[in-house]
Amino acid sequence: MRETVKLGVRLMLFALVAGLLLAVVNAVTEEPIALNERLKADGARIAVIGDYAFEPVETDTGGYDAIQSVYAALDESGQTVGYVYELVSRGYGGDIVLSVGVRNGAVSGVSVASHAETKGLGTADEAPFLQSFNGLSQPDEAQGVDAMSGATVSSDAVRGAVAQALAHARDVLGAGEVE
């Protein structure tokens, strides 16, 4: 009986020390992990619109099923210079997660963050396809971009997401004026 109590106390002390160590590690790494996640997210936003501060925009996305979130790109004086849309669109192999920058009512950039699609989407082969959206200002123009060869469903998913971003920017945020 006495051995059982000793083993129980040892186990309890071991669990207490392990729990304390985990709490310390969590406290030490929590802020750097959050910072790295913000930098990664801002990196995708910077890639499509430029190096600005980003602030979430509370907006109605009803009717725009691909839009997950919208961020305002702010210059040094706090003025909105454009918007970054984070979208999820259904492709052939699964969800395609992408960012679309809209500045002065036109697409400033498109970047694919993740996908489970045909080889080519997410590689250097996709660059000309994604760049073909730059400068477009109308949703129907986005729908008219030529598909990547052998990836029609994936291309349709990206075109639809870009069209939604443009339509939302124009119709909801009033960002349809091209300067």
N, C-alpha and C. Protein backbone atom coordinates (compact mmCIF):
# COMPACT_ATOMS: atom_id res chain seq x y z
N MET A 1 0.82 -1.18 0.00
CA MET A 1 0.00 0.00 0.00
C MET A 1 0.87 1.25 0.00
N ARG A 2 1.92 1.20 0.82
CA ARG A 2 2.80 2.34 0.94
C ARG A 2 3.52 2.63 -0.38
N GLU A 3 3.91 1.59 -1.13
CA GLU A 3 4.54 1.74 -2.44
C GLU A 3 3.57 2.38 -3.43
N THR A 4 2.33 2.03 -3.37
CA THR A 4 1.32 2.59 -4.27
C THR A 4 1.17 4.09 -4.02
N VAL A 5 1.19 4.51 -2.77
CA VAL A 5 1.07 5.93 -2.45
C VAL A 5 2.30 6.68 -2.96
N LYS A 6 3.49 6.10 -2.76
CA LYS A 6 4.71 6.73 -3.26
C LYS A 6 4.67 6.90 -4.78
N LEU A 7 4.26 5.85 -5.48
CA LEU A 7 4.16 5.92 -6.94
C LEU A 7 3.12 6.97 -7.35
N GLY A 8 2.01 7.03 -6.65
CA GLY A 8 0.98 8.03 -6.95
C GLY A 8 1.48 9.45 -6.76
N VAL A 9 2.25 9.69 -5.68
CA VAL A 9 2.81 11.02 -5.42
C VAL A 9 3.83 11.37 -6.50
N ARG A 10 4.67 10.42 -6.87
CA ARG A 10 5.66 10.67 -7.92
C ARG A 10 4.98 11.01 -9.24
N LEU A 11 3.96 10.24 -9.57
CA LEU A 11 3.22 10.49 -10.81
C LEU A 11 2.57 11.87 -10.79
N MET A 12 2.00 12.23 -9.65
CA MET A 12 1.37 13.54 -9.52
C MET A 12 2.41 14.66 -9.67
N LEU A 13 3.58 14.51 -9.06
CA LEU A 13 4.64 15.52 -9.18
C LEU A 13 5.14 15.62 -10.62
N PHE A 14 5.30 14.48 -11.27
CA PHE A 14 5.73 14.48 -12.66
C PHE A 14 4.71 15.20 -13.54
N ALA A 15 3.44 14.91 -13.34
CA ALA A 15 2.38 15.56 -14.12
C ALA A 15 2.34 17.06 -13.84
N LEU A 16 2.55 17.46 -12.60
CA LEU A 16 2.56 18.87 -12.23
C LEU A 16 3.72 19.60 -12.91
N VAL A 17 4.91 19.01 -12.87
CA VAL A 17 6.07 19.62 -13.50
C VAL A 17 5.87 19.70 -15.02
N ALA A 18 5.38 18.64 -15.62
CA ALA A 18 5.14 18.63 -17.07
C ALA A 18 4.10 19.69 -17.44
N GLY A 19 3.04 19.80 -16.66
CA GLY A 19 2.01 20.82 -16.92
C GLY A 19 2.57 22.23 -16.80
N LEU A 20 3.40 22.47 -15.80
CA LEU A 20 4.02 23.79 -15.62
C LEU A 20 4.96 24.11 -16.78
N LEU A 21 5.74 23.13 -17.21
CA LEU A 21 6.63 23.35 -18.35
C LEU A 21 5.85 23.67 -19.62
N LEU A 22 4.75 22.96 -19.86
CA LEU A 22 3.93 23.24 -21.03
C LEU A 22 3.33 24.65 -20.96
N ALA A 23 2.91 25.06 -19.78
CA ALA A 23 2.36 26.41 -19.61
C ALA A 23 3.41 27.47 -19.89
N VAL A 24 4.64 27.25 -19.43
CA VAL A 24 5.72 28.20 -19.67
C VAL A 24 6.05 28.27 -21.16
N VAL A 25 6.17 27.13 -21.80
CA VAL A 25 6.46 27.09 -23.24
C VAL A 25 5.35 27.80 -24.01
N ASN A 26 4.10 27.56 -23.66
CA ASN A 26 2.99 28.22 -24.33
C ASN A 26 3.06 29.73 -24.16
N ALA A 27 3.34 30.18 -22.96
CA ALA A 27 3.43 31.62 -22.69
C ALA A 27 4.57 32.26 -23.47
N VAL A 28 5.69 31.56 -23.57
CA VAL A 28 6.86 32.10 -24.26
C VAL A 28 6.65 32.13 -25.79
N THR A 29 5.97 31.14 -26.34
CA THR A 29 5.84 31.04 -27.79
C THR A 29 4.56 31.64 -28.35
N GLU A 30 3.61 31.99 -27.52
CA GLU A 30 2.32 32.48 -27.99
C GLU A 30 2.45 33.74 -28.85
N GLU A 31 3.17 34.73 -28.38
CA GLU A 31 3.32 35.99 -29.11
C GLU A 31 4.10 35.81 -30.41
N PRO A 32 5.25 35.11 -30.41
CA PRO A 32 5.96 34.93 -31.69
C PRO A 32 5.13 34.15 -32.72
N ILE A 33 4.36 33.19 -32.29
CA ILE A 33 3.52 32.43 -33.22
C ILE A 33 2.46 33.35 -33.82
N ALA A 34 1.81 34.15 -32.98
CA ALA A 34 0.80 35.09 -33.48
C ALA A 34 1.41 36.10 -34.46
N LEU A 35 2.61 36.59 -34.15
CA LEU A 35 3.29 37.53 -35.04
C LEU A 35 3.61 36.88 -36.38
N ASN A 36 4.11 35.66 -36.36
CA ASN A 36 4.41 34.95 -37.61
C ASN A 36 3.16 34.71 -38.44
N GLU A 37 2.04 34.39 -37.79
CA GLU A 37 0.79 34.18 -38.51
C GLU A 37 0.32 35.49 -39.15
N ARG A 38 0.45 36.61 -38.42
CA ARG A 38 0.08 37.91 -38.99
C ARG A 38 0.98 38.26 -40.16
N LEU A 39 2.29 38.01 -40.03
CA LEU A 39 3.22 38.31 -41.12
C LEU A 39 2.92 37.45 -42.36
N LYS A 40 2.58 36.21 -42.14
CA LYS A 40 2.24 35.32 -43.26
C LYS A 40 0.99 35.83 -43.96
N ALA A 41 -0.03 36.17 -43.19
CA ALA A 41 -1.27 36.68 -43.78
C ALA A 41 -1.01 38.02 -44.48
N ASP A 42 -0.26 38.91 -43.84
CA ASP A 42 0.05 40.19 -44.47
C ASP A 42 0.90 40.00 -45.72
N GLY A 43 1.74 38.98 -45.74
CA GLY A 43 2.56 38.70 -46.92
C GLY A 43 1.69 38.40 -48.13
N ALA A 44 0.63 37.63 -47.95
CA ALA A 44 -0.29 37.34 -49.06
C ALA A 44 -1.02 38.60 -49.49
N ARG A 45 -1.37 39.44 -48.52
CA ARG A 45 -2.05 40.69 -48.85
C ARG A 45 -1.11 41.65 -49.58
N ILE A 46 0.13 41.74 -49.09
CA ILE A 46 1.12 42.62 -49.72
C ILE A 46 1.39 42.17 -51.16
N ALA A 47 1.39 40.87 -51.39
CA ALA A 47 1.66 40.35 -52.73
C ALA A 47 0.63 40.81 -53.75
N VAL A 48 -0.61 41.08 -53.33
CA VAL A 48 -1.64 41.43 -54.30
C VAL A 48 -1.95 42.92 -54.40
N ILE A 49 -1.46 43.73 -53.44
CA ILE A 49 -1.78 45.16 -53.50
C ILE A 49 -0.62 46.07 -53.16
N GLY A 50 0.37 45.57 -52.45
CA GLY A 50 1.51 46.41 -52.07
C GLY A 50 1.68 46.44 -50.56
N ASP A 51 2.72 47.10 -50.12
CA ASP A 51 3.09 47.12 -48.70
C ASP A 51 2.34 48.23 -47.97
N TYR A 52 1.22 47.86 -47.38
CA TYR A 52 0.37 48.78 -46.63
C TYR A 52 0.00 48.14 -45.30
N ALA A 53 -0.60 48.95 -44.44
CA ALA A 53 -1.21 48.40 -43.22
C ALA A 53 -2.58 47.86 -43.63
N PHE A 54 -3.03 46.81 -42.95
CA PHE A 54 -4.31 46.20 -43.32
C PHE A 54 -5.25 46.19 -42.12
N GLU A 55 -6.49 46.52 -42.41
CA GLU A 55 -7.51 46.58 -41.37
C GLU A 55 -8.74 45.83 -41.87
N PRO A 56 -9.29 44.93 -41.05
CA PRO A 56 -10.50 44.20 -41.48
C PRO A 56 -11.65 45.17 -41.74
N VAL A 57 -12.44 44.86 -42.75
CA VAL A 57 -13.60 45.67 -43.11
C VAL A 57 -14.85 44.86 -42.76
N GLU A 58 -15.73 45.46 -41.95
CA GLU A 58 -17.02 44.84 -41.66
C GLU A 58 -17.95 45.20 -42.81
N THR A 59 -18.36 44.23 -43.59
CA THR A 59 -19.20 44.48 -44.76
C THR A 59 -20.13 43.31 -45.01
N ASP A 60 -21.20 43.58 -45.70
CA ASP A 60 -22.17 42.56 -46.05
C ASP A 60 -21.63 41.74 -47.22
N THR A 61 -21.45 40.45 -47.01
CA THR A 61 -20.98 39.59 -48.09
C THR A 61 -22.07 38.63 -48.54
N GLY A 62 -23.32 38.93 -48.18
CA GLY A 62 -24.44 38.11 -48.61
C GLY A 62 -24.52 38.11 -50.13
N GLY A 63 -24.65 36.94 -50.72
CA GLY A 63 -24.69 36.82 -52.16
C GLY A 63 -23.31 36.65 -52.79
N TYR A 64 -22.28 36.75 -51.97
CA TYR A 64 -20.90 36.57 -52.44
C TYR A 64 -20.30 35.42 -51.64
N ASP A 65 -20.67 34.21 -52.03
CA ASP A 65 -20.34 33.04 -51.22
C ASP A 65 -18.85 32.73 -51.14
N ALA A 66 -18.05 33.18 -52.07
CA ALA A 66 -16.61 32.88 -52.05
C ALA A 66 -15.85 33.80 -51.09
N ILE A 67 -16.38 34.97 -50.77
CA ILE A 67 -15.66 35.95 -49.97
C ILE A 67 -15.65 35.52 -48.51
N GLN A 68 -14.45 35.35 -47.96
CA GLN A 68 -14.29 34.98 -46.55
C GLN A 68 -14.04 36.21 -45.69
N SER A 69 -13.24 37.14 -46.20
CA SER A 69 -12.95 38.37 -45.45
C SER A 69 -12.46 39.44 -46.41
N VAL A 70 -12.58 40.69 -45.95
CA VAL A 70 -12.16 41.85 -46.73
C VAL A 70 -11.29 42.72 -45.83
N TYR A 71 -10.17 43.18 -46.37
CA TYR A 71 -9.27 44.06 -45.64
C TYR A 71 -9.05 45.34 -46.44
N ALA A 72 -9.07 46.46 -45.73
CA ALA A 72 -8.73 47.73 -46.36
C ALA A 72 -7.21 47.89 -46.29
N ALA A 73 -6.62 48.31 -47.40
CA ALA A 73 -5.18 48.61 -47.43
C ALA A 73 -5.06 50.10 -47.13
N LEU A 74 -4.33 50.44 -46.07
CA LEU A 74 -4.23 51.82 -45.60
C LEU A 74 -2.82 52.36 -45.80
N ASP A 75 -2.73 53.59 -46.35
CA ASP A 75 -1.42 54.22 -46.50
C ASP A 75 -0.99 54.83 -45.17
N GLU A 76 0.15 55.52 -45.18
CA GLU A 76 0.72 56.07 -43.94
C GLU A 76 -0.22 57.03 -43.23
N SER A 77 -1.08 57.73 -43.99
CA SER A 77 -2.00 58.70 -43.38
C SER A 77 -3.31 58.06 -42.95
N GLY A 78 -3.44 56.75 -43.16
CA GLY A 78 -4.65 56.04 -42.75
C GLY A 78 -5.75 56.06 -43.80
N GLN A 79 -5.45 56.55 -45.00
CA GLN A 79 -6.43 56.57 -46.08
C GLN A 79 -6.48 55.21 -46.78
N THR A 80 -7.68 54.79 -47.12
CA THR A 80 -7.87 53.53 -47.84
C THR A 80 -7.43 53.69 -49.28
N VAL A 81 -6.49 52.85 -49.70
CA VAL A 81 -5.99 52.90 -51.08
C VAL A 81 -6.50 51.72 -51.91
N GLY A 82 -7.11 50.75 -51.26
CA GLY A 82 -7.64 49.58 -51.96
C GLY A 82 -8.12 48.56 -50.96
N TYR A 83 -8.50 47.41 -51.50
CA TYR A 83 -9.03 46.33 -50.67
C TYR A 83 -8.39 45.01 -51.06
N VAL A 84 -8.26 44.14 -50.07
CA VAL A 84 -7.79 42.78 -50.32
C VAL A 84 -8.90 41.83 -49.91
N TYR A 85 -9.28 40.99 -50.84
CA TYR A 85 -10.31 39.98 -50.61
C TYR A 85 -9.64 38.64 -50.39
N GLU A 86 -10.05 37.96 -49.34
CA GLU A 86 -9.62 36.58 -49.12
C GLU A 86 -10.82 35.71 -49.45
N LEU A 87 -10.62 34.81 -50.40
CA LEU A 87 -11.73 34.04 -50.95
C LEU A 87 -11.43 32.55 -50.92
N VAL A 88 -12.49 31.76 -50.90
CA VAL A 88 -12.38 30.31 -51.03
C VAL A 88 -13.38 29.90 -52.10
N SER A 89 -12.88 29.25 -53.13
CA SER A 89 -13.72 28.83 -54.25
C SER A 89 -13.52 27.33 -54.47
N ARG A 90 -14.57 26.66 -54.84
CA ARG A 90 -14.52 25.20 -55.02
C ARG A 90 -13.99 24.87 -56.41
N GLY A 91 -12.87 24.16 -56.43
CA GLY A 91 -12.27 23.72 -57.69
C GLY A 91 -12.54 22.24 -57.92
N TYR A 92 -11.80 21.66 -58.82
CA TYR A 92 -11.98 20.25 -59.17
C TYR A 92 -11.58 19.32 -58.01
N GLY A 93 -10.43 19.61 -57.40
CA GLY A 93 -9.91 18.73 -56.35
C GLY A 93 -10.22 19.18 -54.94
N GLY A 94 -10.90 20.29 -54.77
CA GLY A 94 -11.19 20.81 -53.43
C GLY A 94 -11.21 22.32 -53.45
N ASP A 95 -11.04 22.89 -52.27
CA ASP A 95 -11.09 24.33 -52.14
C ASP A 95 -9.81 24.99 -52.63
N ILE A 96 -9.98 26.14 -53.27
CA ILE A 96 -8.87 26.99 -53.68
C ILE A 96 -8.96 28.25 -52.82
N VAL A 97 -7.92 28.52 -52.06
CA VAL A 97 -7.87 29.70 -51.20
C VAL A 97 -7.00 30.74 -51.90
N LEU A 98 -7.56 31.93 -52.13
CA LEU A 98 -6.81 32.94 -52.84
C LEU A 98 -7.07 34.33 -52.29
N SER A 99 -6.17 35.24 -52.62
CA SER A 99 -6.29 36.65 -52.27
C SER A 99 -6.37 37.45 -53.56
N VAL A 100 -7.23 38.46 -53.56
CA VAL A 100 -7.39 39.34 -54.71
C VAL A 100 -7.29 40.77 -54.22
N GLY A 101 -6.40 41.55 -54.82
CA GLY A 101 -6.28 42.96 -54.50
C GLY A 101 -7.10 43.78 -55.49
N VAL A 102 -7.84 44.77 -54.96
CA VAL A 102 -8.62 45.67 -55.81
C VAL A 102 -8.23 47.09 -55.43
N ARG A 103 -7.71 47.80 -56.41
CA ARG A 103 -7.28 49.18 -56.19
C ARG A 103 -7.83 50.04 -57.32
N ASN A 104 -8.47 51.16 -56.96
CA ASN A 104 -9.09 52.04 -57.95
C ASN A 104 -10.09 51.29 -58.83
N GLY A 105 -10.77 50.32 -58.24
CA GLY A 105 -11.80 49.59 -58.97
C GLY A 105 -11.31 48.51 -59.90
N ALA A 106 -10.00 48.25 -59.92
CA ALA A 106 -9.44 47.24 -60.81
C ALA A 106 -8.57 46.26 -60.02
N VAL A 107 -8.43 45.07 -60.57
CA VAL A 107 -7.60 44.05 -59.92
C VAL A 107 -6.14 44.49 -59.95
N SER A 108 -5.52 44.48 -58.77
CA SER A 108 -4.10 44.83 -58.70
C SER A 108 -3.22 43.58 -58.57
N GLY A 109 -3.82 42.45 -58.23
CA GLY A 109 -3.07 41.21 -58.13
C GLY A 109 -3.93 40.07 -57.63
N VAL A 110 -3.54 38.85 -57.99
CA VAL A 110 -4.21 37.63 -57.54
C VAL A 110 -3.13 36.66 -57.09
N SER A 111 -3.36 36.05 -55.93
CA SER A 111 -2.39 35.10 -55.39
C SER A 111 -3.13 33.89 -54.82
N VAL A 112 -2.68 32.69 -55.17
CA VAL A 112 -3.27 31.45 -54.64
C VAL A 112 -2.49 31.04 -53.41
N ALA A 113 -3.20 30.92 -52.28
CA ALA A 113 -2.55 30.55 -51.03
C ALA A 113 -2.46 29.03 -50.87
N SER A 114 -3.53 28.33 -51.21
CA SER A 114 -3.51 26.87 -51.10
C SER A 114 -4.58 26.26 -52.00
N HIS A 115 -4.36 25.00 -52.36
CA HIS A 115 -5.30 24.27 -53.20
C HIS A 115 -4.93 22.80 -53.23
N ALA A 116 -5.85 22.01 -53.75
CA ALA A 116 -5.61 20.59 -53.97
C ALA A 116 -5.97 20.28 -55.42
N GLU A 117 -5.48 21.10 -56.31
CA GLU A 117 -5.91 21.07 -57.71
C GLU A 117 -4.90 20.42 -58.62
N THR A 118 -5.21 20.51 -59.89
CA THR A 118 -4.36 20.02 -60.96
C THR A 118 -2.96 20.60 -60.83
N LYS A 119 -1.96 19.78 -61.10
CA LYS A 119 -0.59 20.29 -61.09
C LYS A 119 -0.50 21.45 -62.08
N GLY A 120 0.12 22.51 -61.61
CA GLY A 120 0.23 23.71 -62.44
C GLY A 120 -0.37 24.89 -61.71
N LEU A 121 -1.51 24.68 -61.04
CA LEU A 121 -2.08 25.76 -60.24
C LEU A 121 -1.26 25.81 -58.96
N GLY A 122 -0.66 26.93 -58.70
CA GLY A 122 0.22 27.07 -57.55
C GLY A 122 1.69 26.98 -57.91
N THR A 123 1.98 26.81 -59.20
CA THR A 123 3.37 26.73 -59.65
C THR A 123 3.64 27.88 -60.62
N ALA A 124 4.81 27.88 -61.18
CA ALA A 124 5.18 28.94 -62.14
C ALA A 124 4.25 28.94 -63.34
N ASP A 125 3.65 27.80 -63.68
CA ASP A 125 2.74 27.71 -64.82
C ASP A 125 1.50 28.58 -64.63
N GLU A 126 1.14 28.87 -63.39
CA GLU A 126 -0.06 29.65 -63.14
C GLU A 126 0.18 31.15 -63.25
N ALA A 127 1.41 31.60 -63.18
CA ALA A 127 1.70 33.04 -63.14
C ALA A 127 1.06 33.81 -64.30
N PRO A 128 1.21 33.37 -65.55
CA PRO A 128 0.57 34.13 -66.64
C PRO A 128 -0.95 34.17 -66.49
N PHE A 129 -1.54 33.08 -66.04
CA PHE A 129 -2.99 33.04 -65.84
C PHE A 129 -3.41 34.05 -64.78
N LEU A 130 -2.74 34.05 -63.63
CA LEU A 130 -3.11 34.97 -62.56
C LEU A 130 -2.83 36.42 -62.95
N GLN A 131 -1.75 36.67 -63.66
CA GLN A 131 -1.42 38.03 -64.08
C GLN A 131 -2.41 38.57 -65.10
N SER A 132 -3.10 37.68 -65.82
CA SER A 132 -4.05 38.15 -66.82
C SER A 132 -5.26 38.84 -66.20
N PHE A 133 -5.45 38.72 -64.88
CA PHE A 133 -6.54 39.41 -64.20
C PHE A 133 -6.16 40.86 -63.87
N ASN A 134 -4.88 41.16 -63.80
CA ASN A 134 -4.43 42.51 -63.41
C ASN A 134 -5.00 43.55 -64.35
N GLY A 135 -5.57 44.60 -63.75
CA GLY A 135 -6.13 45.70 -64.52
C GLY A 135 -7.59 45.54 -64.90
N LEU A 136 -8.15 44.36 -64.73
CA LEU A 136 -9.56 44.16 -65.06
C LEU A 136 -10.43 44.88 -64.04
N SER A 137 -11.52 45.49 -64.52
CA SER A 137 -12.38 46.24 -63.60
C SER A 137 -13.82 45.78 -63.60
N GLN A 138 -14.18 44.86 -64.47
CA GLN A 138 -15.56 44.38 -64.54
C GLN A 138 -15.61 42.87 -64.28
N PRO A 139 -16.63 42.42 -63.52
CA PRO A 139 -16.75 40.99 -63.25
C PRO A 139 -16.81 40.13 -64.51
N ASP A 140 -17.49 40.60 -65.56
CA ASP A 140 -17.59 39.80 -66.78
C ASP A 140 -16.24 39.70 -67.50
N GLU A 141 -15.36 40.70 -67.31
CA GLU A 141 -14.01 40.62 -67.87
C GLU A 141 -13.24 39.49 -67.18
N ALA A 142 -13.42 39.35 -65.87
CA ALA A 142 -12.74 38.28 -65.13
C ALA A 142 -13.22 36.92 -65.61
N GLN A 143 -14.50 36.81 -65.88
CA GLN A 143 -15.05 35.54 -66.36
C GLN A 143 -14.53 35.20 -67.76
N GLY A 144 -14.08 36.21 -68.52
CA GLY A 144 -13.61 35.99 -69.87
C GLY A 144 -12.13 35.67 -70.00
N VAL A 145 -11.39 35.63 -68.88
CA VAL A 145 -9.96 35.30 -68.94
C VAL A 145 -9.79 33.86 -69.41
N ASP A 146 -8.85 33.64 -70.32
CA ASP A 146 -8.59 32.29 -70.84
C ASP A 146 -8.17 31.36 -69.73
N ALA A 147 -8.72 30.14 -69.75
CA ALA A 147 -8.40 29.12 -68.74
C ALA A 147 -7.00 28.57 -68.96
N MET A 148 -6.43 28.04 -67.87
CA MET A 148 -5.16 27.32 -68.00
C MET A 148 -5.44 25.99 -68.69
N SER A 149 -4.57 25.61 -69.58
CA SER A 149 -4.74 24.37 -70.32
C SER A 149 -4.75 23.18 -69.36
N GLY A 150 -5.78 22.35 -69.44
CA GLY A 150 -5.88 21.15 -68.62
C GLY A 150 -6.39 21.41 -67.22
N ALA A 151 -6.81 22.64 -66.94
CA ALA A 151 -7.30 22.96 -65.59
C ALA A 151 -8.53 23.86 -65.68
N THR A 152 -9.50 23.44 -66.48
CA THR A 152 -10.67 24.27 -66.73
C THR A 152 -11.49 24.51 -65.47
N VAL A 153 -11.74 23.49 -64.68
CA VAL A 153 -12.55 23.65 -63.47
C VAL A 153 -11.82 24.55 -62.47
N SER A 154 -10.54 24.33 -62.32
CA SER A 154 -9.74 25.16 -61.43
C SER A 154 -9.75 26.61 -61.90
N SER A 155 -9.58 26.81 -63.20
CA SER A 155 -9.60 28.15 -63.76
C SER A 155 -10.95 28.82 -63.55
N ASP A 156 -12.03 28.05 -63.73
CA ASP A 156 -13.38 28.59 -63.51
C ASP A 156 -13.54 29.05 -62.06
N ALA A 157 -12.99 28.26 -61.13
CA ALA A 157 -13.10 28.61 -59.70
C ALA A 157 -12.38 29.93 -59.42
N VAL A 158 -11.20 30.10 -59.97
CA VAL A 158 -10.44 31.34 -59.77
C VAL A 158 -11.16 32.51 -60.44
N ARG A 159 -11.61 32.31 -61.68
CA ARG A 159 -12.32 33.38 -62.39
C ARG A 159 -13.56 33.81 -61.63
N GLY A 160 -14.31 32.85 -61.11
CA GLY A 160 -15.52 33.18 -60.34
C GLY A 160 -15.21 33.96 -59.08
N ALA A 161 -14.14 33.58 -58.39
CA ALA A 161 -13.75 34.28 -57.16
C ALA A 161 -13.32 35.71 -57.46
N VAL A 162 -12.54 35.89 -58.51
CA VAL A 162 -12.09 37.24 -58.88
C VAL A 162 -13.29 38.09 -59.28
N ALA A 163 -14.22 37.51 -60.02
CA ALA A 163 -15.42 38.24 -60.43
C ALA A 163 -16.23 38.67 -59.21
N GLN A 164 -16.33 37.80 -58.20
CA GLN A 164 -17.05 38.17 -56.97
C GLN A 164 -16.36 39.31 -56.25
N ALA A 165 -15.04 39.29 -56.18
CA ALA A 165 -14.31 40.37 -55.52
C ALA A 165 -14.56 41.69 -56.24
N LEU A 166 -14.50 41.68 -57.56
CA LEU A 166 -14.74 42.91 -58.33
C LEU A 166 -16.18 43.41 -58.16
N ALA A 167 -17.13 42.48 -58.21
CA ALA A 167 -18.53 42.87 -58.06
C ALA A 167 -18.79 43.46 -56.68
N HIS A 168 -18.24 42.83 -55.65
CA HIS A 168 -18.43 43.33 -54.28
C HIS A 168 -17.78 44.69 -54.10
N ALA A 169 -16.57 44.85 -54.62
CA ALA A 169 -15.87 46.13 -54.51
C ALA A 169 -16.68 47.24 -55.17
N ARG A 170 -17.24 46.95 -56.31
CA ARG A 170 -18.02 47.94 -57.06
C ARG A 170 -19.38 48.20 -56.42
N ASP A 171 -20.12 47.12 -56.16
CA ASP A 171 -21.51 47.26 -55.75
C ASP A 171 -21.71 47.53 -54.27
N VAL A 172 -20.85 46.99 -53.42
CA VAL A 172 -21.02 47.15 -51.97
C VAL A 172 -20.10 48.22 -51.41
N LEU A 173 -18.84 48.21 -51.79
CA LEU A 173 -17.89 49.16 -51.24
C LEU A 173 -17.77 50.45 -52.05
N GLY A 174 -18.36 50.45 -53.24
CA GLY A 174 -18.31 51.65 -54.07
C GLY A 174 -16.93 51.95 -54.60
N ALA A 175 -16.15 50.90 -54.84
CA ALA A 175 -14.77 51.09 -55.30
C ALA A 175 -14.68 50.86 -56.81
N GLY A 176 -15.70 51.27 -57.55
CA GLY A 176 -15.72 51.03 -58.98
C GLY A 176 -15.11 52.11 -59.83
N GLU A 177 -14.70 53.20 -59.24
CA GLU A 177 -14.12 54.29 -60.01
C GLU A 177 -12.66 53.99 -60.34
N VAL A 178 -12.34 53.87 -61.59
CA VAL A 178 -10.96 53.67 -62.01
C VAL A 178 -10.34 55.02 -62.26
N GLU A 179 -9.23 55.32 -61.56
CA GLU A 179 -8.56 56.63 -61.72
C GLU A 179 -7.48 56.56 -62.76
